[in-house]
N, C-alpha and C. Protein backbone atom coordinates (compact mmCIF):
# COMPACT_ATOMS: atom_id res chain seq x y z
N ASN A 1 -3.72 13.76 16.45
CA ASN A 1 -4.76 14.22 16.00
C ASN A 1 -5.01 15.91 16.02
N LEU A 2 -4.11 15.67 14.89
CA LEU A 2 -3.92 17.18 14.59
C LEU A 2 -4.02 17.43 12.99
N GLY A 3 -4.59 18.74 12.65
CA GLY A 3 -4.84 18.84 11.16
C GLY A 3 -4.80 17.83 10.31
N ALA A 4 -3.77 17.67 9.22
CA ALA A 4 -3.97 16.74 8.29
C ALA A 4 -3.80 15.64 8.48
N MET A 5 -3.16 15.21 9.79
CA MET A 5 -3.04 14.06 10.29
C MET A 5 -4.49 13.41 10.37
N ALA A 6 -5.22 14.32 11.44
CA ALA A 6 -6.74 13.53 11.67
C ALA A 6 -7.46 13.51 10.51
N GLU A 7 -7.18 14.29 9.46
CA GLU A 7 -7.91 13.70 7.98
C GLU A 7 -7.22 12.48 7.37
N LEU A 8 -6.25 12.31 7.54
CA LEU A 8 -5.68 11.27 6.62
C LEU A 8 -5.66 9.80 7.51
N ILE A 9 -5.86 9.57 8.81
CA ILE A 9 -5.82 8.58 9.51
C ILE A 9 -7.36 8.40 9.94
N ILE A 10 -7.52 7.35 9.87
CA ILE A 10 -9.03 6.85 10.29
C ILE A 10 -8.31 5.92 11.79
N ASP A 11 -8.65 6.66 12.87
CA ASP A 11 -8.40 5.81 13.90
C ASP A 11 -8.80 4.50 14.54
N GLY A 12 -7.85 3.53 14.61
CA GLY A 12 -8.05 1.97 14.79
C GLY A 12 -8.17 1.11 13.50
N LYS A 13 -8.06 2.02 12.65
CA LYS A 13 -8.33 1.46 10.86
C LYS A 13 -7.09 1.58 10.11
N THR A 14 -6.64 2.84 9.98
CA THR A 14 -5.41 3.21 9.13
C THR A 14 -4.34 3.67 10.24
N GLY A 15 -4.34 3.75 11.26
CA GLY A 15 -3.52 3.90 12.05
C GLY A 15 -4.05 4.55 13.42
N LEU A 16 -3.22 4.98 14.67
CA LEU A 16 -4.01 5.77 15.87
C LEU A 16 -3.50 6.88 16.23
N LEU A 17 -4.21 7.63 16.49
CA LEU A 17 -4.19 9.10 16.73
C LEU A 17 -4.34 9.25 18.08
N PHE A 18 -3.50 10.53 18.69
CA PHE A 18 -3.44 10.86 20.28
C PHE A 18 -3.18 12.27 20.13
N GLU A 19 -3.77 12.76 20.79
CA GLU A 19 -3.74 14.37 21.47
C GLU A 19 -2.49 14.90 21.53
N PRO A 20 -2.34 16.07 20.50
CA PRO A 20 -0.77 16.91 20.54
C PRO A 20 -0.36 16.98 22.05
N GLY A 21 0.93 16.78 22.66
CA GLY A 21 1.01 16.72 23.62
C GLY A 21 1.14 16.10 25.02
N ASN A 22 0.16 15.02 24.77
CA ASN A 22 -0.39 14.18 25.59
C ASN A 22 0.69 12.87 25.51
N SER A 23 1.66 13.07 26.14
CA SER A 23 2.81 11.86 26.27
C SER A 23 2.24 10.35 26.75
N GLN A 24 1.67 10.80 27.70
CA GLN A 24 1.29 9.53 28.23
C GLN A 24 0.01 8.92 27.45
N GLU A 25 -0.73 9.59 26.67
CA GLU A 25 -1.43 9.11 25.38
C GLU A 25 -0.64 8.21 24.56
N LEU A 26 0.54 8.99 23.97
CA LEU A 26 1.06 8.33 23.21
C LEU A 26 2.33 7.23 23.67
N ALA A 27 2.26 7.14 24.65
CA ALA A 27 3.35 6.13 25.47
C ALA A 27 2.29 4.97 25.29
N SER A 28 1.19 4.88 25.97
CA SER A 28 -0.04 4.09 25.66
C SER A 28 -0.06 3.43 24.64
N LYS A 29 -0.61 4.34 23.43
CA LYS A 29 -0.41 3.66 22.18
C LYS A 29 0.80 2.90 21.45
N VAL A 30 1.89 3.55 22.13
CA VAL A 30 3.19 2.86 21.44
C VAL A 30 3.18 1.55 22.11
N ILE A 31 3.02 0.97 23.68
CA ILE A 31 2.78 -0.04 24.20
C ILE A 31 1.79 -0.96 23.57
N TRP A 32 0.41 -0.24 23.24
CA TRP A 32 -0.55 -1.09 22.76
C TRP A 32 -0.14 -1.76 21.14
N MET A 33 0.50 -0.64 20.62
CA MET A 33 1.13 -1.06 18.95
C MET A 33 2.06 -2.53 19.33
N LEU A 34 3.23 -2.38 20.33
CA LEU A 34 3.98 -3.60 20.70
C LEU A 34 3.17 -4.99 21.22
N ASP A 35 2.25 -4.60 21.50
CA ASP A 35 1.45 -5.82 21.89
C ASP A 35 0.55 -6.31 21.00
N ASN A 36 -0.03 -5.50 19.99
CA ASN A 36 -0.85 -5.99 18.85
C ASN A 36 -0.20 -5.94 17.80
N LYS A 37 1.04 -6.40 17.00
CA LYS A 37 1.67 -6.14 15.95
C LYS A 37 0.98 -6.83 14.90
N ASP A 38 0.36 -7.82 14.93
CA ASP A 38 -0.79 -8.22 14.17
C ASP A 38 -1.96 -7.34 13.40
N ILE A 39 -2.46 -6.71 14.39
CA ILE A 39 -3.55 -5.64 14.27
C ILE A 39 -2.62 -4.34 13.57
N CYS A 40 -1.47 -4.00 14.02
CA CYS A 40 -0.70 -2.97 13.13
C CYS A 40 -0.33 -3.35 11.88
N ILE A 41 0.00 -4.16 11.46
CA ILE A 41 0.20 -4.79 10.21
C ILE A 41 -1.08 -4.47 9.10
N LYS A 42 -2.00 -5.07 9.78
CA LYS A 42 -3.68 -4.79 9.10
C LYS A 42 -3.82 -3.36 8.70
N MET A 43 -3.44 -2.42 9.89
CA MET A 43 -3.69 -1.19 9.86
C MET A 43 -2.53 -0.52 9.10
N GLY A 44 -1.57 -0.96 8.65
CA GLY A 44 -0.68 -0.44 7.85
C GLY A 44 -1.33 -0.91 6.36
N LYS A 45 -1.62 -2.10 6.20
CA LYS A 45 -2.32 -2.48 4.79
C LYS A 45 -3.68 -1.54 4.47
N ASN A 46 -4.51 -1.50 5.43
CA ASN A 46 -5.38 -0.77 5.23
C ASN A 46 -5.35 0.60 4.92
N ALA A 47 -4.27 1.29 5.43
CA ALA A 47 -3.56 2.60 5.07
C ALA A 47 -3.53 2.69 3.51
N ARG A 48 -2.47 1.71 3.42
CA ARG A 48 -1.95 1.46 2.27
C ARG A 48 -3.44 1.43 0.72
N ILE A 49 -3.95 0.39 1.19
CA ILE A 49 -5.38 0.69 0.42
C ILE A 49 -5.85 1.97 0.62
N GLU A 50 -6.35 2.57 1.63
CA GLU A 50 -7.03 4.15 1.77
C GLU A 50 -6.26 5.15 0.88
N PHE A 51 -4.71 5.16 0.97
CA PHE A 51 -4.21 6.07 0.51
C PHE A 51 -4.42 5.77 -1.29
N GLU A 52 -3.83 4.49 -1.70
CA GLU A 52 -3.94 4.30 -3.13
C GLU A 52 -5.29 4.50 -3.88
N ALA A 53 -6.67 4.23 -3.09
CA ALA A 53 -8.14 4.53 -3.55
C ALA A 53 -8.39 5.99 -3.68
N ASN A 54 -7.61 6.85 -3.01
CA ASN A 54 -7.73 8.30 -2.70
C ASN A 54 -6.63 9.18 -3.34
N ASN A 55 -5.55 8.78 -3.56
CA ASN A 55 -4.45 9.55 -4.02
C ASN A 55 -3.57 8.61 -5.22
N LEU A 56 -4.64 8.38 -6.26
CA LEU A 56 -3.94 7.04 -7.43
C LEU A 56 -2.94 7.68 -7.95
N PHE A 57 -2.60 9.16 -8.42
CA PHE A 57 -1.43 9.68 -9.11
C PHE A 57 -0.24 9.81 -8.23
N GLU A 58 -0.48 10.05 -6.83
CA GLU A 58 0.79 10.05 -5.81
C GLU A 58 1.14 8.29 -5.57
N ALA A 59 0.16 7.78 -5.19
CA ALA A 59 0.52 6.14 -5.42
C ALA A 59 1.37 5.74 -6.24
N GLU A 60 0.86 5.99 -7.46
CA GLU A 60 1.64 5.50 -8.67
C GLU A 60 3.09 5.85 -8.82
N MET A 61 3.19 7.26 -8.43
CA MET A 61 4.70 7.80 -8.25
C MET A 61 5.47 7.13 -7.32
N ILE A 62 4.90 6.85 -6.36
CA ILE A 62 5.65 6.16 -4.75
C ILE A 62 5.85 4.97 -5.34
N GLY A 63 4.57 4.33 -5.77
CA GLY A 63 4.82 2.86 -5.92
C GLY A 63 5.88 2.50 -7.06
N LYS A 64 6.32 3.48 -7.97
CA LYS A 64 7.36 3.27 -9.00
C LYS A 64 8.53 3.17 -8.40
N ASN A 65 8.94 4.06 -7.39
CA ASN A 65 10.23 4.29 -6.79
C ASN A 65 10.38 3.60 -5.83
N TYR A 66 9.35 3.22 -4.51
CA TYR A 66 9.58 2.92 -3.48
C TYR A 66 8.47 1.17 -2.93
N ASP A 67 9.20 0.71 -2.36
CA ASP A 67 8.00 -0.30 -1.63
C ASP A 67 7.70 0.35 -0.30
N ILE A 68 6.58 0.73 -0.64
CA ILE A 68 5.92 1.67 0.68
C ILE A 68 6.04 1.14 2.14
N GLY A 69 5.84 -0.17 1.90
CA GLY A 69 5.77 -0.94 3.34
C GLY A 69 7.22 -0.44 4.13
N GLY A 70 8.19 -0.92 3.09
CA GLY A 70 9.66 -0.63 3.97
C GLY A 70 10.56 0.26 3.36
N TRP A 71 9.95 1.03 2.57
CA TRP A 71 10.62 1.98 1.88
C TRP A 71 12.07 2.12 1.24
N VAL A 72 11.95 0.79 0.61
CA VAL A 72 13.20 0.38 -0.10
C VAL A 72 13.01 1.08 -1.99
N LYS A 73 14.02 1.65 -2.20
CA LYS A 73 13.89 1.52 -3.36
C LYS A 73 14.09 0.49 -4.40
N ILE A 74 13.27 0.30 -5.39
CA ILE A 74 13.09 -0.88 -6.01
C ILE A 74 13.33 -0.30 -7.69
N GLU A 75 13.30 0.72 -8.08
CA GLU A 75 13.72 1.10 -9.33
C GLU A 75 14.49 2.50 -9.47
N SER A 76 15.59 2.71 -10.15
CA SER A 76 15.98 3.89 -10.33
C SER A 76 15.58 4.71 -11.47
N GLU A 77 15.97 5.87 -11.37
CA GLU A 77 15.51 7.00 -12.42
C GLU A 77 16.81 7.03 -13.14
């Protein structure tokens, strides 16, 4: 929950935010993610949709070179 991350992530929809320096909150979010894998997958999909809707040029460039979900290069230049 700091700077650009707080602007890019919609807490609970496209990711999870935590207060900087709060290791207990971070640990709690990690445990929650491990217990809620289906919701995490949905948040990842939501994040991609949100990113592509708001950053078309960048999304095209990244999509051309990488599978965003796994960061696997799919096209060489």
